[in-house]
Amino acid sequence: LAAAAAIHRFVARGGMAKLLARLPGIGERARIYELSRLYLTL
């Protein structure tokens, strides 16, 4: 329960996006996913 609450706060504060951005290989794919949503919406 404590881990779930901590993960929820971490994600709500944008920490998950920052963590994924620092991971090798995954960071660039997370950025591409964000750009895809941005371009499609715009």
PDB file of all heavy atoms in Angstrom:
ATOM      1  N   LEU A   1       0.830  -1.210   0.000  1.00  0.00           N
ATOM      2  CA  LEU A   1       0.000   0.000   0.000  1.00  0.00           C
ATOM      3  C   LEU A   1       0.863   1.257   0.000  1.00  0.00           C
ATOM      4  O   LEU A   1       0.576   2.224  -0.713  1.00  0.00           O
ATOM      5  CB  LEU A   1      -0.933  -0.010   1.206  1.00  0.00           C
ATOM      6  CG  LEU A   1      -2.027  -1.090   1.206  1.00  0.00           C
ATOM      7  CD1 LEU A   1      -2.805  -1.068   2.516  1.00  0.00           C
ATOM      8  CD2 LEU A   1      -2.970  -0.878   0.032  1.00  0.00           C
ATOM      9  N   ALA A   2       1.925   1.256   0.819  1.00  0.00           N
ATOM     10  CA  ALA A   2       2.818   2.413   0.858  1.00  0.00           C
ATOM     11  C   ALA A   2       3.516   2.615  -0.485  1.00  0.00           C
ATOM     12  O   ALA A   2       3.662   3.754  -0.958  1.00  0.00           O
ATOM     13  CB  ALA A   2       3.848   2.242   1.974  1.00  0.00           C
ATOM     14  N   ALA A   3       3.925   1.502  -1.117  1.00  0.00           N
ATOM     15  CA  ALA A   3       4.574   1.611  -2.420  1.00  0.00           C
ATOM     16  C   ALA A   3       3.604   2.134  -3.468  1.00  0.00           C
ATOM     17  O   ALA A   3       3.976   2.965  -4.311  1.00  0.00           O
ATOM     18  CB  ALA A   3       5.130   0.252  -2.835  1.00  0.00           C
ATOM     19  N   ALA A   4       2.347   1.661  -3.428  1.00  0.00           N
ATOM     20  CA  ALA A   4       1.349   2.143  -4.389  1.00  0.00           C
ATOM     21  C   ALA A   4       1.094   3.634  -4.217  1.00  0.00           C
ATOM     22  O   ALA A   4       0.992   4.385  -5.195  1.00  0.00           O
ATOM     23  CB  ALA A   4       0.053   1.358  -4.229  1.00  0.00           C
ATOM     24  N   ALA A   5       0.992   4.096  -2.948  1.00  0.00           N
ATOM     25  CA  ALA A   5       0.775   5.526  -2.701  1.00  0.00           C
ATOM     26  C   ALA A   5       1.975   6.348  -3.165  1.00  0.00           C
ATOM     27  O   ALA A   5       1.818   7.424  -3.762  1.00  0.00           O
ATOM     28  CB  ALA A   5       0.513   5.758  -1.212  1.00  0.00           C
ATOM     29  N   ALA A   6       3.173   5.844  -2.910  1.00  0.00           N
ATOM     30  CA  ALA A   6       4.370   6.579  -3.334  1.00  0.00           C
ATOM     31  C   ALA A   6       4.464   6.648  -4.858  1.00  0.00           C
ATOM     32  O   ALA A   6       4.812   7.686  -5.427  1.00  0.00           O
ATOM     33  CB  ALA A   6       5.617   5.911  -2.756  1.00  0.00           C
ATOM     34  N   ILE A   7       4.129   5.536  -5.515  1.00  0.00           N
ATOM     35  CA  ILE A   7       4.166   5.529  -6.983  1.00  0.00           C
ATOM     36  C   ILE A   7       3.128   6.489  -7.545  1.00  0.00           C
ATOM     37  O   ILE A   7       3.381   7.197  -8.525  1.00  0.00           O
ATOM     38  CB  ILE A   7       3.946   4.103  -7.506  1.00  0.00           C
ATOM     39  CG1 ILE A   7       5.145   3.213  -7.147  1.00  0.00           C
ATOM     40  CG2 ILE A   7       3.726   4.094  -9.015  1.00  0.00           C
ATOM     41  CD1 ILE A   7       4.945   1.760  -7.487  1.00  0.00           C
ATOM     42  N   HIS A   8       1.934   6.526  -6.918  1.00  0.00           N
ATOM     43  CA  HIS A   8       0.886   7.441  -7.384  1.00  0.00           C
ATOM     44  C   HIS A   8       1.346   8.896  -7.271  1.00  0.00           C
ATOM     45  O   HIS A   8       1.153   9.693  -8.203  1.00  0.00           O
ATOM     46  CB  HIS A   8      -0.382   7.219  -6.570  1.00  0.00           C
ATOM     47  CG  HIS A   8      -1.506   8.139  -6.936  1.00  0.00           C
ATOM     48  ND1 HIS A   8      -2.228   8.012  -8.108  1.00  0.00           N
ATOM     49  CD2 HIS A   8      -2.017   9.236  -6.306  1.00  0.00           C
ATOM     50  CE1 HIS A   8      -3.140   8.962  -8.178  1.00  0.00           C
ATOM     51  NE2 HIS A   8      -3.026   9.712  -7.100  1.00  0.00           N
ATOM     52  N   ARG A   9       1.951   9.259  -6.145  1.00  0.00           N
ATOM     53  CA  ARG A   9       2.457  10.632  -5.997  1.00  0.00           C
ATOM     54  C   ARG A   9       3.583  10.904  -6.981  1.00  0.00           C
ATOM     55  O   ARG A   9       3.678  11.995  -7.551  1.00  0.00           O
ATOM     56  CB  ARG A   9       2.950  10.850  -4.567  1.00  0.00           C
ATOM     57  CG  ARG A   9       1.841  10.912  -3.522  1.00  0.00           C
ATOM     58  CD  ARG A   9       2.359  11.492  -2.219  1.00  0.00           C
ATOM     59  NE  ARG A   9       3.427  10.678  -1.675  1.00  0.00           N
ATOM     60  CZ  ARG A   9       3.245   9.672  -0.822  1.00  0.00           C
ATOM     61  NH1 ARG A   9       2.010   9.360  -0.426  1.00  0.00           N
ATOM     62  NH2 ARG A   9       4.265   8.971  -0.375  1.00  0.00           N
ATOM     63  N   PHE A  10       4.425   9.905  -7.184  1.00  0.00           N
ATOM     64  CA  PHE A  10       5.552  10.062  -8.110  1.00  0.00           C
ATOM     65  C   PHE A  10       5.065  10.323  -9.527  1.00  0.00           C
ATOM     66  O   PHE A  10       5.577  11.198 -10.231  1.00  0.00           O
ATOM     67  CB  PHE A  10       6.410   8.793  -8.050  1.00  0.00           C
ATOM     68  CG  PHE A  10       7.660   8.858  -8.871  1.00  0.00           C
ATOM     69  CD1 PHE A  10       8.701   9.699  -8.518  1.00  0.00           C
ATOM     70  CD2 PHE A  10       7.802   8.069 -10.002  1.00  0.00           C
ATOM     71  CE1 PHE A  10       9.858   9.749  -9.276  1.00  0.00           C
ATOM     72  CE2 PHE A  10       8.951   8.108 -10.762  1.00  0.00           C
ATOM     73  CZ  PHE A  10       9.987   8.952 -10.398  1.00  0.00           C
ATOM     74  N   VAL A  11       4.044   9.566  -9.953  1.00  0.00           N
ATOM     75  CA  VAL A  11       3.497   9.739 -11.296  1.00  0.00           C
ATOM     76  C   VAL A  11       2.761  11.070 -11.409  1.00  0.00           C
ATOM     77  O   VAL A  11       2.858  11.772 -12.423  1.00  0.00           O
ATOM     78  CB  VAL A  11       2.564   8.560 -11.643  1.00  0.00           C
ATOM     79  CG1 VAL A  11       1.850   8.805 -12.966  1.00  0.00           C
ATOM     80  CG2 VAL A  11       3.360   7.260 -11.713  1.00  0.00           C
ATOM     81  N   ALA A  12       1.986  11.442 -10.362  1.00  0.00           N
ATOM     82  CA  ALA A  12       1.220  12.688 -10.403  1.00  0.00           C
ATOM     83  C   ALA A  12       2.118  13.904 -10.520  1.00  0.00           C
ATOM     84  O   ALA A  12       1.733  14.921 -11.114  1.00  0.00           O
ATOM     85  CB  ALA A  12       0.349  12.795  -9.157  1.00  0.00           C
ATOM     86  N   ARG A  13       3.305  13.833  -9.970  1.00  0.00           N
ATOM     87  CA  ARG A  13       4.237  14.967 -10.027  1.00  0.00           C
ATOM     88  C   ARG A  13       5.113  14.954 -11.283  1.00  0.00           C
ATOM     89  O   ARG A  13       6.021  15.769 -11.412  1.00  0.00           O
ATOM     90  CB  ARG A  13       5.133  14.950  -8.788  1.00  0.00           C
ATOM     91  CG  ARG A  13       4.362  15.193  -7.489  1.00  0.00           C
ATOM     92  CD  ARG A  13       5.266  15.039  -6.286  1.00  0.00           C
ATOM     93  NE  ARG A  13       4.540  15.238  -5.041  1.00  0.00           N
ATOM     94  CZ  ARG A  13       5.080  15.063  -3.837  1.00  0.00           C
ATOM     95  NH1 ARG A  13       6.339  14.671  -3.717  1.00  0.00           N
ATOM     96  NH2 ARG A  13       4.333  15.265  -2.763  1.00  0.00           N
ATOM     97  N   GLY A  14       4.834  14.035 -12.184  1.00  0.00           N
ATOM     98  CA  GLY A  14       5.610  13.960 -13.414  1.00  0.00           C
ATOM     99  C   GLY A  14       6.929  13.239 -13.281  1.00  0.00           C
ATOM    100  O   GLY A  14       7.773  13.302 -14.181  1.00  0.00           O
ATOM    101  N   GLY A  15       7.124  12.534 -12.170  1.00  0.00           N
ATOM    102  CA  GLY A  15       8.387  11.843 -11.959  1.00  0.00           C
ATOM    103  C   GLY A  15       8.588  10.660 -12.884  1.00  0.00           C
ATOM    104  O   GLY A  15       9.716  10.353 -13.282  1.00  0.00           O
ATOM    105  N   MET A  16       7.485   9.981 -13.242  1.00  0.00           N
ATOM    106  CA  MET A  16       7.615   8.818 -14.125  1.00  0.00           C
ATOM    107  C   MET A  16       8.135   9.220 -15.498  1.00  0.00           C
ATOM    108  O   MET A  16       8.982   8.534 -16.083  1.00  0.00           O
ATOM    109  CB  MET A  16       6.265   8.115 -14.246  1.00  0.00           C
ATOM    110  CG  MET A  16       6.313   6.850 -15.085  1.00  0.00           C
ATOM    111  SD  MET A  16       7.434   5.608 -14.404  1.00  0.00           S
ATOM    112  CE  MET A  16       6.519   5.143 -12.916  1.00  0.00           C
ATOM    113  N   ALA A  17       7.610  10.348 -16.012  1.00  0.00           N
ATOM    114  CA  ALA A  17       8.083  10.819 -17.320  1.00  0.00           C
ATOM    115  C   ALA A  17       9.570  11.176 -17.266  1.00  0.00           C
ATOM    116  O   ALA A  17      10.328  10.878 -18.190  1.00  0.00           O
ATOM    117  CB  ALA A  17       7.259  12.015 -17.773  1.00  0.00           C
ATOM    118  N   LYS A  18      10.000  11.801 -16.163  1.00  0.00           N
ATOM    119  CA  LYS A  18      11.414  12.158 -16.030  1.00  0.00           C
ATOM    120  C   LYS A  18      12.288  10.913 -15.910  1.00  0.00           C
ATOM    121  O   LYS A  18      13.386  10.859 -16.458  1.00  0.00           O
ATOM    122  CB  LYS A  18      11.603  13.056 -14.811  1.00  0.00           C
ATOM    123  CG  LYS A  18      10.896  14.411 -14.927  1.00  0.00           C
ATOM    124  CD  LYS A  18      11.096  15.231 -13.676  1.00  0.00           C
ATOM    125  CE  LYS A  18      10.365  16.570 -13.773  1.00  0.00           C
ATOM    126  NZ  LYS A  18      10.510  17.369 -12.527  1.00  0.00           N
ATOM    127  N   LEU A  19      11.768   9.900 -15.166  1.00  0.00           N
ATOM    128  CA  LEU A  19      12.535   8.670 -15.010  1.00  0.00           C
ATOM    129  C   LEU A  19      12.678   7.942 -16.334  1.00  0.00           C
ATOM    130  O   LEU A  19      13.773   7.479 -16.691  1.00  0.00           O
ATOM    131  CB  LEU A  19      11.847   7.769 -13.976  1.00  0.00           C
ATOM    132  CG  LEU A  19      12.487   6.400 -13.744  1.00  0.00           C
ATOM    133  CD1 LEU A  19      13.904   6.561 -13.209  1.00  0.00           C
ATOM    134  CD2 LEU A  19      11.650   5.569 -12.780  1.00  0.00           C
ATOM    135  N   LEU A  20      11.584   7.834 -17.080  1.00  0.00           N
ATOM    136  CA  LEU A  20      11.649   7.167 -18.380  1.00  0.00           C
ATOM    137  C   LEU A  20      12.570   7.897 -19.341  1.00  0.00           C
ATOM    138  O   LEU A  20      13.248   7.276 -20.161  1.00  0.00           O
ATOM    139  CB  LEU A  20      10.244   7.053 -18.975  1.00  0.00           C
ATOM    140  CG  LEU A  20       9.269   6.112 -18.257  1.00  0.00           C
ATOM    141  CD1 LEU A  20       7.901   6.181 -18.907  1.00  0.00           C
ATOM    142  CD2 LEU A  20       9.784   4.688 -18.261  1.00  0.00           C
ATOM    143  N   ALA A  21      12.585   9.231 -19.243  1.00  0.00           N
ATOM    144  CA  ALA A  21      13.432  10.016 -20.137  1.00  0.00           C
ATOM    145  C   ALA A  21      14.916   9.760 -19.893  1.00  0.00           C
ATOM    146  O   ALA A  21      15.736   9.951 -20.797  1.00  0.00           O
ATOM    147  CB  ALA A  21      13.131  11.503 -19.972  1.00  0.00           C
ATOM    148  N   ARG A  22      15.282   9.316 -18.677  1.00  0.00           N
ATOM    149  CA  ARG A  22      16.686   9.088 -18.361  1.00  0.00           C
ATOM    150  C   ARG A  22      17.137   7.666 -18.657  1.00  0.00           C
ATOM    151  O   ARG A  22      18.340   7.390 -18.657  1.00  0.00           O
ATOM    152  CB  ARG A  22      16.932   9.391 -16.877  1.00  0.00           C
ATOM    153  CG  ARG A  22      16.708  10.854 -16.517  1.00  0.00           C
ATOM    154  CD  ARG A  22      16.816  11.065 -15.017  1.00  0.00           C
ATOM    155  NE  ARG A  22      16.556  12.460 -14.647  1.00  0.00           N
ATOM    156  CZ  ARG A  22      16.457  12.897 -13.394  1.00  0.00           C
ATOM    157  NH1 ARG A  22      16.615  12.042 -12.392  1.00  0.00           N
ATOM    158  NH2 ARG A  22      16.212  14.177 -13.148  1.00  0.00           N
ATOM    159  N   LEU A  23      16.181   6.764 -18.876  1.00  0.00           N
ATOM    160  CA  LEU A  23      16.558   5.375 -19.144  1.00  0.00           C
ATOM    161  C   LEU A  23      17.093   5.239 -20.570  1.00  0.00           C
ATOM    162  O   LEU A  23      16.489   5.748 -21.515  1.00  0.00           O
ATOM    163  CB  LEU A  23      15.355   4.454 -18.959  1.00  0.00           C
ATOM    164  CG  LEU A  23      14.795   4.352 -17.539  1.00  0.00           C
ATOM    165  CD1 LEU A  23      13.562   3.468 -17.520  1.00  0.00           C
ATOM    166  CD2 LEU A  23      15.846   3.810 -16.581  1.00  0.00           C
ATOM    167  N   PRO A  24      18.213   4.548 -20.742  1.00  0.00           N
ATOM    168  CA  PRO A  24      18.764   4.385 -22.102  1.00  0.00           C
ATOM    169  C   PRO A  24      17.838   3.555 -22.965  1.00  0.00           C
ATOM    170  O   PRO A  24      17.346   2.508 -22.555  1.00  0.00           O
ATOM    171  CB  PRO A  24      20.103   3.669 -21.853  1.00  0.00           C
ATOM    172  CG  PRO A  24      19.951   3.019 -20.510  1.00  0.00           C
ATOM    173  CD  PRO A  24      19.039   3.889 -19.726  1.00  0.00           C
ATOM    174  N   GLY A  25      17.594   4.022 -24.166  1.00  0.00           N
ATOM    175  CA  GLY A  25      16.729   3.313 -25.099  1.00  0.00           C
ATOM    176  C   GLY A  25      15.266   3.647 -24.906  1.00  0.00           C
ATOM    177  O   GLY A  25      14.559   4.005 -25.852  1.00  0.00           O
ATOM    178  N   ILE A  26      14.772   3.549 -23.662  1.00  0.00           N
ATOM    179  CA  ILE A  26      13.359   3.822 -23.389  1.00  0.00           C
ATOM    180  C   ILE A  26      13.083   5.319 -23.398  1.00  0.00           C
ATOM    181  O   ILE A  26      11.996   5.763 -23.793  1.00  0.00           O
ATOM    182  CB  ILE A  26      12.959   3.195 -22.041  1.00  0.00           C
ATOM    183  CG1 ILE A  26      13.115   1.673 -22.114  1.00  0.00           C
ATOM    184  CG2 ILE A  26      11.526   3.558 -21.669  1.00  0.00           C
ATOM    185  CD1 ILE A  26      12.762   0.956 -20.837  1.00  0.00           C
ATOM    186  N   GLY A  27      14.054   6.130 -22.963  1.00  0.00           N
ATOM    187  CA  GLY A  27      13.850   7.577 -22.896  1.00  0.00           C
ATOM    188  C   GLY A  27      13.500   8.186 -24.238  1.00  0.00           C
ATOM    189  O   GLY A  27      12.586   9.011 -24.344  1.00  0.00           O
ATOM    190  N   GLU A  28      14.189   7.772 -25.279  1.00  0.00           N
ATOM    191  CA  GLU A  28      13.915   8.316 -26.603  1.00  0.00           C
ATOM    192  C   GLU A  28      12.543   7.869 -27.103  1.00  0.00           C
ATOM    193  O   GLU A  28      11.836   8.645 -27.756  1.00  0.00           O
ATOM    194  CB  GLU A  28      15.000   7.847 -27.580  1.00  0.00           C
ATOM    195  CG  GLU A  28      14.821   8.355 -29.005  1.00  0.00           C
ATOM    196  CD  GLU A  28      14.852   9.875 -29.111  1.00  0.00           C
ATOM    197  OE1 GLU A  28      15.429  10.526 -28.207  1.00  0.00           O
ATOM    198  OE2 GLU A  28      14.294  10.403 -30.098  1.00  0.00           O
ATOM    199  N   ARG A  29      12.136   6.652 -26.768  1.00  0.00           N
ATOM    200  CA  ARG A  29      10.802   6.183 -27.185  1.00  0.00           C
ATOM    201  C   ARG A  29       9.697   6.902 -26.431  1.00  0.00           C
ATOM    202  O   ARG A  29       8.640   7.199 -27.005  1.00  0.00           O
ATOM    203  CB  ARG A  29      10.686   4.672 -26.952  1.00  0.00           C
ATOM    204  CG  ARG A  29      11.791   3.868 -27.600  1.00  0.00           C
ATOM    205  CD  ARG A  29      11.884   4.140 -29.080  1.00  0.00           C
ATOM    206  NE  ARG A  29      13.120   3.604 -29.644  1.00  0.00           N
ATOM    207  CZ  ARG A  29      13.470   3.735 -30.915  1.00  0.00           C
ATOM    208  NH1 ARG A  29      12.695   4.391 -31.745  1.00  0.00           N
ATOM    209  NH2 ARG A  29      14.609   3.241 -31.350  1.00  0.00           N
ATOM    210  N   ALA A  30       9.929   7.201 -25.168  1.00  0.00           N
ATOM    211  CA  ALA A  30       8.945   7.980 -24.410  1.00  0.00           C
ATOM    212  C   ALA A  30       8.799   9.380 -25.002  1.00  0.00           C
ATOM    213  O   ALA A  30       7.689   9.927 -25.068  1.00  0.00           O
ATOM    214  CB  ALA A  30       9.355   8.057 -22.941  1.00  0.00           C
ATOM    215  N   ARG A  31       9.896   9.955 -25.428  1.00  0.00           N
ATOM    216  CA  ARG A  31       9.844  11.277 -26.070  1.00  0.00           C
ATOM    217  C   ARG A  31       9.079  11.202 -27.395  1.00  0.00           C
ATOM    218  O   ARG A  31       8.279  12.094 -27.715  1.00  0.00           O
ATOM    219  CB  ARG A  31      11.255  11.788 -26.307  1.00  0.00           C
ATOM    220  CG  ARG A  31      11.327  13.126 -27.037  1.00  0.00           C
ATOM    221  CD  ARG A  31      12.748  13.634 -27.081  1.00  0.00           C
ATOM    222  NE  ARG A  31      12.847  14.842 -27.884  1.00  0.00           N
ATOM    223  CZ  ARG A  31      13.144  14.861 -29.177  1.00  0.00           C
ATOM    224  NH1 ARG A  31      13.379  13.713 -29.816  1.00  0.00           N
ATOM    225  NH2 ARG A  31      13.214  15.997 -29.835  1.00  0.00           N
ATOM    226  N   ILE A  32       9.294  10.144 -28.157  1.00  0.00           N
ATOM    227  CA  ILE A  32       8.573   9.980 -29.425  1.00  0.00           C
ATOM    228  C   ILE A  32       7.077   9.835 -29.172  1.00  0.00           C
ATOM    229  O   ILE A  32       6.251  10.382 -29.920  1.00  0.00           O
ATOM    230  CB  ILE A  32       9.138   8.764 -30.190  1.00  0.00           C
ATOM    231  CG1 ILE A  32      10.521   9.111 -30.767  1.00  0.00           C
ATOM    232  CG2 ILE A  32       8.198   8.333 -31.307  1.00  0.00           C
ATOM    233  CD1 ILE A  32      11.180   7.973 -31.494  1.00  0.00           C
ATOM    234  N   TYR A  33       6.713   9.118 -28.109  1.00  0.00           N
ATOM    235  CA  TYR A  33       5.285   8.970 -27.776  1.00  0.00           C
ATOM    236  C   TYR A  33       4.675  10.330 -27.447  1.00  0.00           C
ATOM    237  O   TYR A  33       3.557  10.645 -27.876  1.00  0.00           O
ATOM    238  CB  TYR A  33       5.135   8.009 -26.604  1.00  0.00           C
ATOM    239  CG  TYR A  33       3.720   7.899 -26.095  1.00  0.00           C
ATOM    240  CD1 TYR A  33       2.739   7.242 -26.834  1.00  0.00           C
ATOM    241  CD2 TYR A  33       3.354   8.444 -24.871  1.00  0.00           C
ATOM    242  CE1 TYR A  33       1.436   7.141 -26.376  1.00  0.00           C
ATOM    243  CE2 TYR A  33       2.061   8.350 -24.406  1.00  0.00           C
ATOM    244  CZ  TYR A  33       1.105   7.695 -25.158  1.00  0.00           C
ATOM    245  OH  TYR A  33      -0.180   7.615 -24.692  1.00  0.00           O
ATOM    246  N   GLU A  34       5.399  11.148 -26.688  1.00  0.00           N
ATOM    247  CA  GLU A  34       4.897  12.481 -26.344  1.00  0.00           C
ATOM    248  C   GLU A  34       4.761  13.347 -27.597  1.00  0.00           C
ATOM    249  O   GLU A  34       3.756  14.065 -27.768  1.00  0.00           O
ATOM    250  CB  GLU A  34       5.846  13.149 -25.349  1.00  0.00           C
ATOM    251  CG  GLU A  34       5.781  12.582 -23.941  1.00  0.00           C
ATOM    252  CD  GLU A  34       4.506  12.975 -23.229  1.00  0.00           C
ATOM    253  OE1 GLU A  34       3.827  13.910 -23.699  1.00  0.00           O
ATOM    254  OE2 GLU A  34       4.184  12.354 -22.209  1.00  0.00           O
ATOM    255  N   LEU A  35       5.751  13.293 -28.478  1.00  0.00           N
ATOM    256  CA  LEU A  35       5.676  14.080 -29.707  1.00  0.00           C
ATOM    257  C   LEU A  35       4.537  13.603 -30.599  1.00  0.00           C
ATOM    258  O   LEU A  35       3.875  14.417 -31.260  1.00  0.00           O
ATOM    259  CB  LEU A  35       7.006  13.993 -30.462  1.00  0.00           C
ATOM    260  CG  LEU A  35       8.207  14.692 -29.814  1.00  0.00           C
ATOM    261  CD1 LEU A  35       9.446  14.525 -30.679  1.00  0.00           C
ATOM    262  CD2 LEU A  35       7.927  16.176 -29.587  1.00  0.00           C
ATOM    263  N   SER A  36       4.293  12.299 -30.610  1.00  0.00           N
ATOM    264  CA  SER A  36       3.199  11.776 -31.414  1.00  0.00           C
ATOM    265  C   SER A  36       1.858  12.330 -30.937  1.00  0.00           C
ATOM    266  O   SER A  36       1.027  12.774 -31.742  1.00  0.00           O
ATOM    267  CB  SER A  36       3.197  10.247 -31.347  1.00  0.00           C
ATOM    268  OG  SER A  36       2.063   9.713 -31.986  1.00  0.00           O
ATOM    269  N   ARG A  37       1.624  12.326 -29.631  1.00  0.00           N
ATOM    270  CA  ARG A  37       0.381  12.880 -29.091  1.00  0.00           C
ATOM    271  C   ARG A  37       0.273  14.375 -29.382  1.00  0.00           C
ATOM    272  O   ARG A  37      -0.793  14.888 -29.739  1.00  0.00           O
ATOM    273  CB  ARG A  37       0.310  12.649 -27.583  1.00  0.00           C
ATOM    274  CG  ARG A  37       0.141  11.198 -27.176  1.00  0.00           C
ATOM    275  CD  ARG A  37      -0.131  11.091 -25.705  1.00  0.00           C
ATOM    276  NE  ARG A  37      -1.372  11.760 -25.336  1.00  0.00           N
ATOM    277  CZ  ARG A  37      -1.765  11.975 -24.085  1.00  0.00           C
ATOM    278  NH1 ARG A  37      -1.004  11.582 -23.088  1.00  0.00           N
ATOM    279  NH2 ARG A  37      -2.898  12.570 -23.828  1.00  0.00           N
ATOM    280  N   LEU A  38       1.396  15.076 -29.239  1.00  0.00           N
ATOM    281  CA  LEU A  38       1.399  16.517 -29.494  1.00  0.00           C
ATOM    282  C   LEU A  38       1.060  16.806 -30.947  1.00  0.00           C
ATOM    283  O   LEU A  38       0.183  17.637 -31.246  1.00  0.00           O
ATOM    284  CB  LEU A  38       2.772  17.091 -29.132  1.00  0.00           C
ATOM    285  CG  LEU A  38       3.045  18.535 -29.576  1.00  0.00           C
ATOM    286  CD1 LEU A  38       2.080  19.504 -28.903  1.00  0.00           C
ATOM    287  CD2 LEU A  38       4.491  18.921 -29.276  1.00  0.00           C
ATOM    288  N   TYR A  39       1.717  16.134 -31.867  1.00  0.00           N
ATOM    289  CA  TYR A  39       1.504  16.397 -33.292  1.00  0.00           C
ATOM    290  C   TYR A  39       0.094  15.993 -33.732  1.00  0.00           C
ATOM    291  O   TYR A  39      -0.543  16.703 -34.513  1.00  0.00           O
ATOM    292  CB  TYR A  39       2.531  15.634 -34.124  1.00  0.00           C
ATOM    293  CG  TYR A  39       3.914  16.250 -34.119  1.00  0.00           C
ATOM    294  CD1 TYR A  39       4.267  17.211 -33.175  1.00  0.00           C
ATOM    295  CD2 TYR A  39       4.874  15.884 -35.052  1.00  0.00           C
ATOM    296  CE1 TYR A  39       5.527  17.776 -33.165  1.00  0.00           C
ATOM    297  CE2 TYR A  39       6.142  16.441 -35.055  1.00  0.00           C
ATOM    298  CZ  TYR A  39       6.459  17.376 -34.099  1.00  0.00           C
ATOM    299  OH  TYR A  39       7.701  17.945 -34.095  1.00  0.00           O
ATOM    300  N   LEU A  40      -0.375  14.846 -33.240  1.00  0.00           N
ATOM    301  CA  LEU A  40      -1.706  14.384 -33.642  1.00  0.00           C
ATOM    302  C   LEU A  40      -2.790  15.343 -33.146  1.00  0.00           C
ATOM    303  O   LEU A  40      -3.715  15.684 -33.885  1.00  0.00           O
ATOM    304  CB  LEU A  40      -1.945  12.979 -33.097  1.00  0.00           C
ATOM    305  CG  LEU A  40      -3.228  12.286 -33.547  1.00  0.00           C
ATOM    306  CD1 LEU A  40      -3.273  12.158 -35.058  1.00  0.00           C
ATOM    307  CD2 LEU A  40      -3.348  10.920 -32.891  1.00  0.00           C
ATOM    308  N   THR A  41      -2.658  15.799 -31.901  1.00  0.00           N
ATOM    309  CA  THR A  41      -3.657  16.723 -31.349  1.00  0.00           C
ATOM    310  C   THR A  41      -3.600  18.065 -32.051  1.00  0.00           C
ATOM    311  O   THR A  41      -4.638  18.631 -32.434  1.00  0.00           O
ATOM    312  CB  THR A  41      -3.422  16.898 -29.841  1.00  0.00           C
ATOM    313  OG1 THR A  41      -3.346  15.624 -29.208  1.00  0.00           O
ATOM    314  CG2 THR A  41      -4.548  17.703 -29.215  1.00  0.00           C
ATOM    315  N   LEU A  42      -2.396  18.588 -32.216  1.00  0.00           N
ATOM    316  CA  LEU A  42      -2.253  19.887 -32.857  1.00  0.00           C
ATOM    317  C   LEU A  42      -2.704  19.827 -34.316  1.00  0.00           C
ATOM    318  O   LEU A  42      -3.352  20.765 -34.819  1.00  0.00           O
ATOM    319  CB  LEU A  42      -0.795  20.344 -32.758  1.00  0.00           C
ATOM    320  CG  LEU A  42      -0.490  21.784 -33.182  1.00  0.00           C
ATOM    321  CD1 LEU A  42      -1.290  22.776 -32.349  1.00  0.00           C
ATOM    322  CD2 LEU A  42       1.003  22.073 -33.042  1.00  0.00           C
TER     323      LEU A  42
END
